[in-house]
Amino acid sequence: PPSMSFEEAACLPTAWLTAYRMLFTQGGLKAGDTVLVQGAGGGV
């Protein structure tokens, strides 16, 4: 999308896609659920 820079878009295909699938496909999480993310800092 035009709203997103090339630098931002380049972050998505591995770490951000992995996170998206973890939360919403494999995790099946929805608004209001509580999630714990271990090891804050890395890309994922």
PDB file of all heavy atoms in Angstrom:
ATOM      1  N   PRO A   1       0.826  -1.209   0.000  1.00  0.00           N
ATOM      2  CA  PRO A   1       0.000   0.000   0.000  1.00  0.00           C
ATOM      3  C   PRO A   1       0.859   1.258   0.000  1.00  0.00           C
ATOM      4  O   PRO A   1       1.967   1.258   0.563  1.00  0.00           O
ATOM      5  CB  PRO A   1      -0.808  -0.120   1.301  1.00  0.00           C
ATOM      6  CG  PRO A   1      -0.003  -1.021   2.173  1.00  0.00           C
ATOM      7  CD  PRO A   1       0.716  -1.968   1.261  1.00  0.00           C
ATOM      8  N   PRO A   2       0.371   2.340  -0.596  1.00  0.00           N
ATOM      9  CA  PRO A   2       1.134   3.597  -0.625  1.00  0.00           C
ATOM     10  C   PRO A   2       1.431   4.147   0.767  1.00  0.00           C
ATOM     11  O   PRO A   2       2.409   4.882   0.949  1.00  0.00           O
ATOM     12  CB  PRO A   2       0.215   4.548  -1.400  1.00  0.00           C
ATOM     13  CG  PRO A   2      -0.692   3.673  -2.194  1.00  0.00           C
ATOM     14  CD  PRO A   2      -0.890   2.439  -1.377  1.00  0.00           C
ATOM     15  N   SER A   3       0.620   3.775   1.751  1.00  0.00           N
ATOM     16  CA  SER A   3       0.799   4.306   3.104  1.00  0.00           C
ATOM     17  C   SER A   3       2.039   3.762   3.796  1.00  0.00           C
ATOM     18  O   SER A   3       2.465   4.290   4.827  1.00  0.00           O
ATOM     19  CB  SER A   3      -0.424   3.960   3.961  1.00  0.00           C
ATOM     20  OG  SER A   3      -0.512   2.562   4.167  1.00  0.00           O
ATOM     21  N   MET A   4       2.628   2.724   3.252  1.00  0.00           N
ATOM     22  CA  MET A   4       3.723   2.017   3.910  1.00  0.00           C
ATOM     23  C   MET A   4       5.017   2.234   3.125  1.00  0.00           C
ATOM     24  O   MET A   4       5.042   2.100   1.905  1.00  0.00           O
ATOM     25  CB  MET A   4       3.377   0.520   3.970  1.00  0.00           C
ATOM     26  CG  MET A   4       4.272  -0.304   4.864  1.00  0.00           C
ATOM     27  SD  MET A   4       3.699  -2.037   4.883  1.00  0.00           S
ATOM     28  CE  MET A   4       2.061  -1.842   5.622  1.00  0.00           C
ATOM     29  N   SER A   5       6.087   2.563   3.830  1.00  0.00           N
ATOM     30  CA  SER A   5       7.372   2.758   3.164  1.00  0.00           C
ATOM     31  C   SER A   5       7.968   1.410   2.759  1.00  0.00           C
ATOM     32  O   SER A   5       7.586   0.346   3.272  1.00  0.00           O
ATOM     33  CB  SER A   5       8.344   3.489   4.088  1.00  0.00           C
ATOM     34  OG  SER A   5       8.756   2.646   5.150  1.00  0.00           O
ATOM     35  N   PHE A   6       8.928   1.454   1.839  1.00  0.00           N
ATOM     36  CA  PHE A   6       9.625   0.227   1.461  1.00  0.00           C
ATOM     37  C   PHE A   6      10.343  -0.378   2.665  1.00  0.00           C
ATOM     38  O   PHE A   6      10.367  -1.601   2.832  1.00  0.00           O
ATOM     39  CB  PHE A   6      10.639   0.508   0.339  1.00  0.00           C
ATOM     40  CG  PHE A   6      10.019   0.730  -1.009  1.00  0.00           C
ATOM     41  CD1 PHE A   6      10.058   1.974  -1.608  1.00  0.00           C
ATOM     42  CD2 PHE A   6       9.388  -0.313  -1.683  1.00  0.00           C
ATOM     43  CE1 PHE A   6       9.490   2.187  -2.853  1.00  0.00           C
ATOM     44  CE2 PHE A   6       8.815  -0.114  -2.928  1.00  0.00           C
ATOM     45  CZ  PHE A   6       8.858   1.133  -3.520  1.00  0.00           C
ATOM     46  N   GLU A   7      10.914   0.485   3.518  1.00  0.00           N
ATOM     47  CA  GLU A   7      11.630  -0.008   4.696  1.00  0.00           C
ATOM     48  C   GLU A   7      10.679  -0.748   5.639  1.00  0.00           C
ATOM     49  O   GLU A   7      11.018  -1.812   6.172  1.00  0.00           O
ATOM     50  CB  GLU A   7      12.307   1.156   5.428  1.00  0.00           C
ATOM     51  CG  GLU A   7      13.465   1.780   4.685  1.00  0.00           C
ATOM     52  CD  GLU A   7      13.038   2.818   3.650  1.00  0.00           C
ATOM     53  OE1 GLU A   7      11.811   3.035   3.484  1.00  0.00           O
ATOM     54  OE2 GLU A   7      13.924   3.412   3.020  1.00  0.00           O
ATOM     55  N   GLU A   8       9.494  -0.192   5.855  1.00  0.00           N
ATOM     56  CA  GLU A   8       8.508  -0.852   6.720  1.00  0.00           C
ATOM     57  C   GLU A   8       8.029  -2.157   6.100  1.00  0.00           C
ATOM     58  O   GLU A   8       7.951  -3.189   6.781  1.00  0.00           O
ATOM     59  CB  GLU A   8       7.331   0.092   6.961  1.00  0.00           C
ATOM     60  CG  GLU A   8       7.684   1.297   7.826  1.00  0.00           C
ATOM     61  CD  GLU A   8       6.643   2.401   7.762  1.00  0.00           C
ATOM     62  OE1 GLU A   8       5.809   2.420   6.830  1.00  0.00           O
ATOM     63  OE2 GLU A   8       6.662   3.268   8.666  1.00  0.00           O
ATOM     64  N   ALA A   9       7.712  -2.125   4.817  1.00  0.00           N
ATOM     65  CA  ALA A   9       7.197  -3.320   4.142  1.00  0.00           C
ATOM     66  C   ALA A   9       8.217  -4.448   4.135  1.00  0.00           C
ATOM     67  O   ALA A   9       7.855  -5.629   4.213  1.00  0.00           O
ATOM     68  CB  ALA A   9       6.770  -2.968   2.721  1.00  0.00           C
ATOM     69  N   ALA A  10       9.501  -4.102   4.067  1.00  0.00           N
ATOM     70  CA  ALA A  10      10.548  -5.122   4.018  1.00  0.00           C
ATOM     71  C   ALA A  10      10.682  -5.893   5.331  1.00  0.00           C
ATOM     72  O   ALA A  10      11.314  -6.944   5.372  1.00  0.00           O
ATOM     73  CB  ALA A  10      11.883  -4.479   3.663  1.00  0.00           C
ATOM     74  N   CYS A  11      10.089  -5.378   6.406  1.00  0.00           N
ATOM     75  CA  CYS A  11      10.146  -6.074   7.694  1.00  0.00           C
ATOM     76  C   CYS A  11       9.150  -7.225   7.795  1.00  0.00           C
ATOM     77  O   CYS A  11       9.239  -8.058   8.702  1.00  0.00           O
ATOM     78  CB  CYS A  11       9.844  -5.097   8.833  1.00  0.00           C
ATOM     79  SG  CYS A  11      11.019  -3.746   8.992  1.00  0.00           S
ATOM     80  N   LEU A  12       8.171  -7.264   6.898  1.00  0.00           N
ATOM     81  CA  LEU A  12       6.989  -8.097   7.113  1.00  0.00           C
ATOM     82  C   LEU A  12       7.125  -9.579   6.764  1.00  0.00           C
ATOM     83  O   LEU A  12       6.578 -10.421   7.471  1.00  0.00           O
ATOM     84  CB  LEU A  12       5.791  -7.509   6.336  1.00  0.00           C
ATOM     85  CG  LEU A  12       5.442  -6.054   6.661  1.00  0.00           C
ATOM     86  CD1 LEU A  12       4.211  -5.640   5.864  1.00  0.00           C
ATOM     87  CD2 LEU A  12       5.211  -5.867   8.150  1.00  0.00           C
ATOM     88  N   PRO A  13       7.789  -9.971   5.668  1.00  0.00           N
ATOM     89  CA  PRO A  13       7.605 -11.344   5.171  1.00  0.00           C
ATOM     90  C   PRO A  13       8.086 -12.467   6.077  1.00  0.00           C
ATOM     91  O   PRO A  13       7.628 -13.599   5.916  1.00  0.00           O
ATOM     92  CB  PRO A  13       8.394 -11.332   3.849  1.00  0.00           C
ATOM     93  CG  PRO A  13       8.386  -9.910   3.415  1.00  0.00           C
ATOM     94  CD  PRO A  13       8.514  -9.136   4.685  1.00  0.00           C
ATOM     95  N   THR A  14       9.003 -12.231   6.994  1.00  0.00           N
ATOM     96  CA  THR A  14       9.467 -13.322   7.859  1.00  0.00           C
ATOM     97  C   THR A  14       9.007 -13.109   9.301  1.00  0.00           C
ATOM     98  O   THR A  14       8.091 -13.766   9.769  1.00  0.00           O
ATOM     99  CB  THR A  14      10.992 -13.477   7.775  1.00  0.00           C
ATOM    100  OG1 THR A  14      11.354 -13.828   6.434  1.00  0.00           O
ATOM    101  CG2 THR A  14      11.479 -14.600   8.684  1.00  0.00           C
ATOM    102  N   ALA A  15       9.625 -12.172  10.019  1.00  0.00           N
ATOM    103  CA  ALA A  15       9.308 -12.004  11.443  1.00  0.00           C
ATOM    104  C   ALA A  15       7.858 -11.592  11.669  1.00  0.00           C
ATOM    105  O   ALA A  15       7.157 -12.168  12.519  1.00  0.00           O
ATOM    106  CB  ALA A  15      10.249 -10.972  12.069  1.00  0.00           C
ATOM    107  N   TRP A  16       7.380 -10.614  10.929  1.00  0.00           N
ATOM    108  CA  TRP A  16       6.023 -10.122  11.160  1.00  0.00           C
ATOM    109  C   TRP A  16       4.970 -11.107  10.677  1.00  0.00           C
ATOM    110  O   TRP A  16       3.923 -11.267  11.302  1.00  0.00           O
ATOM    111  CB  TRP A  16       5.844  -8.742  10.532  1.00  0.00           C
ATOM    112  CG  TRP A  16       6.398  -7.690  11.443  1.00  0.00           C
ATOM    113  CD1 TRP A  16       7.714  -7.498  11.764  1.00  0.00           C
ATOM    114  CD2 TRP A  16       5.659  -6.749  12.206  1.00  0.00           C
ATOM    115  NE1 TRP A  16       7.836  -6.480  12.685  1.00  0.00           N
ATOM    116  CE2 TRP A  16       6.607  -5.995  12.964  1.00  0.00           C
ATOM    117  CE3 TRP A  16       4.313  -6.440  12.318  1.00  0.00           C
ATOM    118  CZ2 TRP A  16       6.223  -4.983  13.828  1.00  0.00           C
ATOM    119  CZ3 TRP A  16       3.924  -5.415  13.177  1.00  0.00           C
ATOM    120  CH2 TRP A  16       4.870  -4.707  13.926  1.00  0.00           C
ATOM    121  N   LEU A  17       5.238 -11.788   9.593  1.00  0.00           N
ATOM    122  CA  LEU A  17       4.310 -12.828   9.134  1.00  0.00           C
ATOM    123  C   LEU A  17       4.281 -13.991  10.117  1.00  0.00           C
ATOM    124  O   LEU A  17       3.211 -14.536  10.415  1.00  0.00           O
ATOM    125  CB  LEU A  17       4.716 -13.315   7.742  1.00  0.00           C
ATOM    126  CG  LEU A  17       3.858 -14.418   7.132  1.00  0.00           C
ATOM    127  CD1 LEU A  17       2.393 -13.998   7.027  1.00  0.00           C
ATOM    128  CD2 LEU A  17       4.396 -14.824   5.763  1.00  0.00           C
ATOM    129  N   THR A  18       5.447 -14.366  10.632  1.00  0.00           N
ATOM    130  CA  THR A  18       5.501 -15.417  11.655  1.00  0.00           C
ATOM    131  C   THR A  18       4.648 -15.033  12.855  1.00  0.00           C
ATOM    132  O   THR A  18       3.872 -15.843  13.381  1.00  0.00           O
ATOM    133  CB  THR A  18       6.961 -15.653  12.088  1.00  0.00           C
ATOM    134  OG1 THR A  18       7.710 -16.148  10.983  1.00  0.00           O
ATOM    135  CG2 THR A  18       7.041 -16.657  13.235  1.00  0.00           C
ATOM    136  N   ALA A  19       4.768 -13.785  13.314  1.00  0.00           N
ATOM    137  CA  ALA A  19       3.998 -13.318  14.470  1.00  0.00           C
ATOM    138  C   ALA A  19       2.504 -13.306  14.172  1.00  0.00           C
ATOM    139  O   ALA A  19       1.683 -13.709  15.017  1.00  0.00           O
ATOM    140  CB  ALA A  19       4.472 -11.926  14.877  1.00  0.00           C
ATOM    141  N   TYR A  20       2.133 -12.855  12.993  1.00  0.00           N
ATOM    142  CA  TYR A  20       0.717 -12.798  12.618  1.00  0.00           C
ATOM    143  C   TYR A  20       0.100 -14.200  12.647  1.00  0.00           C
ATOM    144  O   TYR A  20      -0.989 -14.402  13.207  1.00  0.00           O
ATOM    145  CB  TYR A  20       0.582 -12.188  11.226  1.00  0.00           C
ATOM    146  CG  TYR A  20      -0.852 -12.068  10.740  1.00  0.00           C
ATOM    147  CD1 TYR A  20      -1.605 -10.928  11.007  1.00  0.00           C
ATOM    148  CD2 TYR A  20      -1.450 -13.104  10.024  1.00  0.00           C
ATOM    149  CE1 TYR A  20      -2.922 -10.822  10.573  1.00  0.00           C
ATOM    150  CE2 TYR A  20      -2.769 -13.003   9.590  1.00  0.00           C
ATOM    151  CZ  TYR A  20      -3.487 -11.859   9.862  1.00  0.00           C
ATOM    152  OH  TYR A  20      -4.791 -11.775   9.434  1.00  0.00           O
ATOM    153  N   ARG A  21       0.782 -15.167  12.052  1.00  0.00           N
ATOM    154  CA  ARG A  21       0.258 -16.540  12.026  1.00  0.00           C
ATOM    155  C   ARG A  21       0.181 -17.123  13.437  1.00  0.00           C
ATOM    156  O   ARG A  21      -0.785 -17.805  13.787  1.00  0.00           O
ATOM    157  CB  ARG A  21       1.138 -17.420  11.133  1.00  0.00           C
ATOM    158  CG  ARG A  21       0.649 -18.868  10.991  1.00  0.00           C
ATOM    159  CD  ARG A  21       1.568 -19.643  10.043  1.00  0.00           C
ATOM    160  NE  ARG A  21       1.218 -21.047   9.936  1.00  0.00           N
ATOM    161  CZ  ARG A  21       0.342 -21.538   9.052  1.00  0.00           C
ATOM    162  NH1 ARG A  21      -0.275 -20.731   8.215  1.00  0.00           N
ATOM    163  NH2 ARG A  21       0.088 -22.835   9.018  1.00  0.00           N
ATOM    164  N   MET A  22       1.192 -16.853  14.259  1.00  0.00           N
ATOM    165  CA  MET A  22       1.189 -17.353  15.633  1.00  0.00           C
ATOM    166  C   MET A  22      -0.028 -16.860  16.405  1.00  0.00           C
ATOM    167  O   MET A  22      -0.713 -17.635  17.078  1.00  0.00           O
ATOM    168  CB  MET A  22       2.471 -16.927  16.366  1.00  0.00           C
ATOM    169  CG  MET A  22       3.738 -17.611  15.900  1.00  0.00           C
ATOM    170  SD  MET A  22       5.201 -16.945  16.732  1.00  0.00           S
ATOM    171  CE  MET A  22       5.013 -17.649  18.384  1.00  0.00           C
ATOM    172  N   LEU A  23      -0.303 -15.567  16.311  1.00  0.00           N
ATOM    173  CA  LEU A  23      -1.383 -14.968  17.095  1.00  0.00           C
ATOM    174  C   LEU A  23      -2.766 -15.341  16.585  1.00  0.00           C
ATOM    175  O   LEU A  23      -3.641 -15.783  17.357  1.00  0.00           O
ATOM    176  CB  LEU A  23      -1.248 -13.447  17.081  1.00  0.00           C
ATOM    177  CG  LEU A  23      -0.102 -12.845  17.886  1.00  0.00           C
ATOM    178  CD1 LEU A  23       0.115 -11.400  17.468  1.00  0.00           C
ATOM    179  CD2 LEU A  23      -0.383 -12.933  19.385  1.00  0.00           C
ATOM    180  N   PHE A  24      -2.978 -15.165  15.285  1.00  0.00           N
ATOM    181  CA  PHE A  24      -4.344 -15.158  14.764  1.00  0.00           C
ATOM    182  C   PHE A  24      -4.745 -16.417  14.005  1.00  0.00           C
ATOM    183  O   PHE A  24      -5.938 -16.705  13.910  1.00  0.00           O
ATOM    184  CB  PHE A  24      -4.546 -13.922  13.882  1.00  0.00           C
ATOM    185  CG  PHE A  24      -4.234 -12.638  14.591  1.00  0.00           C
ATOM    186  CD1 PHE A  24      -3.212 -11.807  14.154  1.00  0.00           C
ATOM    187  CD2 PHE A  24      -4.938 -12.259  15.715  1.00  0.00           C
ATOM    188  CE1 PHE A  24      -2.923 -10.621  14.805  1.00  0.00           C
ATOM    189  CE2 PHE A  24      -4.656 -11.075  16.384  1.00  0.00           C
ATOM    190  CZ  PHE A  24      -3.647 -10.254  15.930  1.00  0.00           C
ATOM    191  N   THR A  25      -3.776 -17.173  13.487  1.00  0.00           N
ATOM    192  CA  THR A  25      -4.106 -18.430  12.803  1.00  0.00           C
ATOM    193  C   THR A  25      -3.913 -19.603  13.752  1.00  0.00           C
ATOM    194  O   THR A  25      -4.875 -20.281  14.124  1.00  0.00           O
ATOM    195  CB  THR A  25      -3.245 -18.614  11.541  1.00  0.00           C
ATOM    196  OG1 THR A  25      -3.427 -17.505  10.671  1.00  0.00           O
ATOM    197  CG2 THR A  25      -3.640 -19.891  10.806  1.00  0.00           C
ATOM    198  N   GLN A  26      -2.695 -19.834  14.177  1.00  0.00           N
ATOM    199  CA  GLN A  26      -2.423 -20.966  15.071  1.00  0.00           C
ATOM    200  C   GLN A  26      -2.955 -20.717  16.475  1.00  0.00           C
ATOM    201  O   GLN A  26      -3.470 -21.628  17.120  1.00  0.00           O
ATOM    202  CB  GLN A  26      -0.921 -21.242  15.114  1.00  0.00           C
ATOM    203  CG  GLN A  26      -0.272 -21.527  13.764  1.00  0.00           C
ATOM    204  CD  GLN A  26      -0.801 -22.778  13.094  1.00  0.00           C
ATOM    205  OE1 GLN A  26      -1.939 -22.805  12.625  1.00  0.00           O
ATOM    206  NE2 GLN A  26       0.008 -23.827  13.066  1.00  0.00           N
ATOM    207  N   GLY A  27      -2.827 -19.492  16.963  1.00  0.00           N
ATOM    208  CA  GLY A  27      -3.316 -19.174  18.301  1.00  0.00           C
ATOM    209  C   GLY A  27      -4.813 -18.952  18.362  1.00  0.00           C
ATOM    210  O   GLY A  27      -5.434 -19.130  19.416  1.00  0.00           O
ATOM    211  N   GLY A  28      -5.418 -18.540  17.234  1.00  0.00           N
ATOM    212  CA  GLY A  28      -6.856 -18.284  17.200  1.00  0.00           C
ATOM    213  C   GLY A  28      -7.299 -17.224  18.188  1.00  0.00           C
ATOM    214  O   GLY A  28      -8.453 -17.238  18.657  1.00  0.00           O
ATOM    215  N   LEU A  29      -6.438 -16.270  18.501  1.00  0.00           N
ATOM    216  CA  LEU A  29      -6.752 -15.275  19.521  1.00  0.00           C
ATOM    217  C   LEU A  29      -7.655 -14.182  18.969  1.00  0.00           C
ATOM    218  O   LEU A  29      -7.633 -13.882  17.769  1.00  0.00           O
ATOM    219  CB  LEU A  29      -5.459 -14.669  20.072  1.00  0.00           C
ATOM    220  CG  LEU A  29      -4.586 -15.661  20.847  1.00  0.00           C
ATOM    221  CD1 LEU A  29      -3.233 -15.043  21.172  1.00  0.00           C
ATOM    222  CD2 LEU A  29      -5.270 -16.122  22.120  1.00  0.00           C
ATOM    223  N   LYS A  30      -8.422 -13.598  19.866  1.00  0.00           N
ATOM    224  CA  LYS A  30      -9.377 -12.551  19.485  1.00  0.00           C
ATOM    225  C   LYS A  30      -9.327 -11.428  20.508  1.00  0.00           C
ATOM    226  O   LYS A  30      -8.774 -11.596  21.609  1.00  0.00           O
ATOM    227  CB  LYS A  30     -10.787 -13.131  19.387  1.00  0.00           C
ATOM    228  CG  LYS A  30     -11.303 -13.725  20.681  1.00  0.00           C
ATOM    229  CD  LYS A  30     -12.619 -14.424  20.474  1.00  0.00           C
ATOM    230  CE  LYS A  30     -13.186 -14.953  21.791  1.00  0.00           C
ATOM    231  NZ  LYS A  30     -12.283 -15.875  22.488  1.00  0.00           N
ATOM    232  N   ALA A  31      -9.899 -10.301  20.144  1.00  0.00           N
ATOM    233  CA  ALA A  31      -9.892  -9.135  21.018  1.00  0.00           C
ATOM    234  C   ALA A  31     -10.409  -9.501  22.408  1.00  0.00           C
ATOM    235  O   ALA A  31     -11.416 -10.199  22.543  1.00  0.00           O
ATOM    236  CB  ALA A  31     -10.757  -8.030  20.415  1.00  0.00           C
ATOM    237  N   GLY A  32      -9.695  -9.044  23.429  1.00  0.00           N
ATOM    238  CA  GLY A  32     -10.073  -9.324  24.808  1.00  0.00           C
ATOM    239  C   GLY A  32      -9.292 -10.454  25.440  1.00  0.00           C
ATOM    240  O   GLY A  32      -9.269 -10.575  26.670  1.00  0.00           O
ATOM    241  N   ASP A  33      -8.664 -11.307  24.634  1.00  0.00           N
ATOM    242  CA  ASP A  33      -7.827 -12.382  25.175  1.00  0.00           C
ATOM    243  C   ASP A  33      -6.533 -11.804  25.739  1.00  0.00           C
ATOM    244  O   ASP A  33      -6.099 -10.707  25.377  1.00  0.00           O
ATOM    245  CB  ASP A  33      -7.485 -13.406  24.085  1.00  0.00           C
ATOM    246  CG  ASP A  33      -8.679 -14.261  23.679  1.00  0.00           C
ATOM    247  OD1 ASP A  33      -9.664 -14.318  24.453  1.00  0.00           O
ATOM    248  OD2 ASP A  33      -8.637 -14.863  22.587  1.00  0.00           O
ATOM    249  N   THR A  34      -5.911 -12.574  26.630  1.00  0.00           N
ATOM    250  CA  THR A  34      -4.637 -12.170  27.230  1.00  0.00           C
ATOM    251  C   THR A  34      -3.520 -13.061  26.709  1.00  0.00           C
ATOM    252  O   THR A  34      -3.639 -14.285  26.724  1.00  0.00           O
ATOM    253  CB  THR A  34      -4.699 -12.258  28.764  1.00  0.00           C
ATOM    254  OG1 THR A  34      -5.742 -11.407  29.249  1.00  0.00           O
ATOM    255  CG2 THR A  34      -3.383 -11.828  29.385  1.00  0.00           C
ATOM    256  N   VAL A  35      -2.427 -12.443  26.271  1.00  0.00           N
ATOM    257  CA  VAL A  35      -1.314 -13.186  25.706  1.00  0.00           C
ATOM    258  C   VAL A  35      -0.020 -12.771  26.393  1.00  0.00           C
ATOM    259  O   VAL A  35       0.171 -11.612  26.736  1.00  0.00           O
ATOM    260  CB  VAL A  35      -1.219 -12.959  24.177  1.00  0.00           C
ATOM    261  CG1 VAL A  35      -0.930 -11.504  23.837  1.00  0.00           C
ATOM    262  CG2 VAL A  35      -0.180 -13.873  23.540  1.00  0.00           C
ATOM    263  N   LEU A  36       0.855 -13.741  26.606  1.00  0.00           N
ATOM    264  CA  LEU A  36       2.194 -13.506  27.142  1.00  0.00           C
ATOM    265  C   LEU A  36       3.204 -13.710  26.027  1.00  0.00           C
ATOM    266  O   LEU A  36       3.210 -14.759  25.373  1.00  0.00           O
ATOM    267  CB  LEU A  36       2.495 -14.465  28.295  1.00  0.00           C
ATOM    268  CG  LEU A  36       3.945 -14.483  28.801  1.00  0.00           C
ATOM    269  CD1 LEU A  36       4.325 -13.140  29.417  1.00  0.00           C
ATOM    270  CD2 LEU A  36       4.153 -15.628  29.812  1.00  0.00           C
ATOM    271  N   VAL A  37       4.048 -12.706  25.809  1.00  0.00           N
ATOM    272  CA  VAL A  37       5.126 -12.799  24.821  1.00  0.00           C
ATOM    273  C   VAL A  37       6.439 -12.948  25.574  1.00  0.00           C
ATOM    274  O   VAL A  37       6.848 -12.056  26.330  1.00  0.00           O
ATOM    275  CB  VAL A  37       5.166 -11.541  23.924  1.00  0.00           C
ATOM    276  CG1 VAL A  37       6.338 -11.642  22.944  1.00  0.00           C
ATOM    277  CG2 VAL A  37       3.848 -11.376  23.176  1.00  0.00           C
ATOM    278  N   GLN A  38       7.112 -14.073  25.384  1.00  0.00           N
ATOM    279  CA  GLN A  38       8.384 -14.331  26.053  1.00  0.00           C
ATOM    280  C   GLN A  38       9.533 -13.705  25.268  1.00  0.00           C
ATOM    281  O   GLN A  38       9.561 -13.720  24.046  1.00  0.00           O
ATOM    282  CB  GLN A  38       8.622 -15.843  26.169  1.00  0.00           C
ATOM    283  CG  GLN A  38       7.624 -16.583  27.042  1.00  0.00           C
ATOM    284  CD  GLN A  38       7.917 -16.443  28.539  1.00  0.00           C
ATOM    285  OE1 GLN A  38       8.542 -15.482  28.983  1.00  0.00           O
ATOM    286  NE2 GLN A  38       7.448 -17.406  29.327  1.00  0.00           N
ATOM    287  N   GLY A  39      10.485 -13.129  26.001  1.00  0.00           N
ATOM    288  CA  GLY A  39      11.719 -12.659  25.382  1.00  0.00           C
ATOM    289  C   GLY A  39      11.583 -11.442  24.515  1.00  0.00           C
ATOM    290  O   GLY A  39      12.030 -11.433  23.359  1.00  0.00           O
ATOM    291  N   ALA A  40      10.980 -10.379  25.044  1.00  0.00           N
ATOM    292  CA  ALA A  40      10.798  -9.149  24.265  1.00  0.00           C
ATOM    293  C   ALA A  40      12.152  -8.631  23.787  1.00  0.00           C
ATOM    294  O   ALA A  40      13.121  -8.612  24.543  1.00  0.00           O
ATOM    295  CB  ALA A  40      10.100  -8.091  25.109  1.00  0.00           C
ATOM    296  N   GLY A  41      12.214  -8.234  22.534  1.00  0.00           N
ATOM    297  CA  GLY A  41      13.446  -7.664  21.997  1.00  0.00           C
ATOM    298  C   GLY A  41      13.711  -8.080  20.569  1.00  0.00           C
ATOM    299  O   GLY A  41      14.029  -7.260  19.723  1.00  0.00           O
ATOM    300  N   GLY A  42      13.599  -9.370  20.288  1.00  0.00           N
ATOM    301  CA  GLY A  42      13.857  -9.856  18.944  1.00  0.00           C
ATOM    302  C   GLY A  42      12.784  -9.439  17.964  1.00  0.00           C
ATOM    303  O   GLY A  42      11.725  -8.929  18.341  1.00  0.00           O
ATOM    304  N   GLY A  43      13.053  -9.671  16.678  1.00  0.00           N
ATOM    305  CA  GLY A  43      12.139  -9.237  15.627  1.00  0.00           C
ATOM    306  C   GLY A  43      10.762  -9.846  15.741  1.00  0.00           C
ATOM    307  O   GLY A  43       9.747  -9.149  15.606  1.00  0.00           O
ATOM    308  N   VAL A  44      10.691 -11.159  16.010  1.00  0.00           N
ATOM    309  CA  VAL A  44       9.387 -11.805  16.134  1.00  0.00           C
ATOM    310  C   VAL A  44       8.676 -11.332  17.399  1.00  0.00           C
ATOM    311  O   VAL A  44       7.475 -11.051  17.383  1.00  0.00           O
ATOM    312  CB  VAL A  44       9.523 -13.340  16.117  1.00  0.00           C
ATOM    313  CG1 VAL A  44       8.175 -14.010  16.386  1.00  0.00           C
ATOM    314  CG2 VAL A  44      10.077 -13.816  14.777  1.00  0.00           C
TER     315      VAL A  44
END
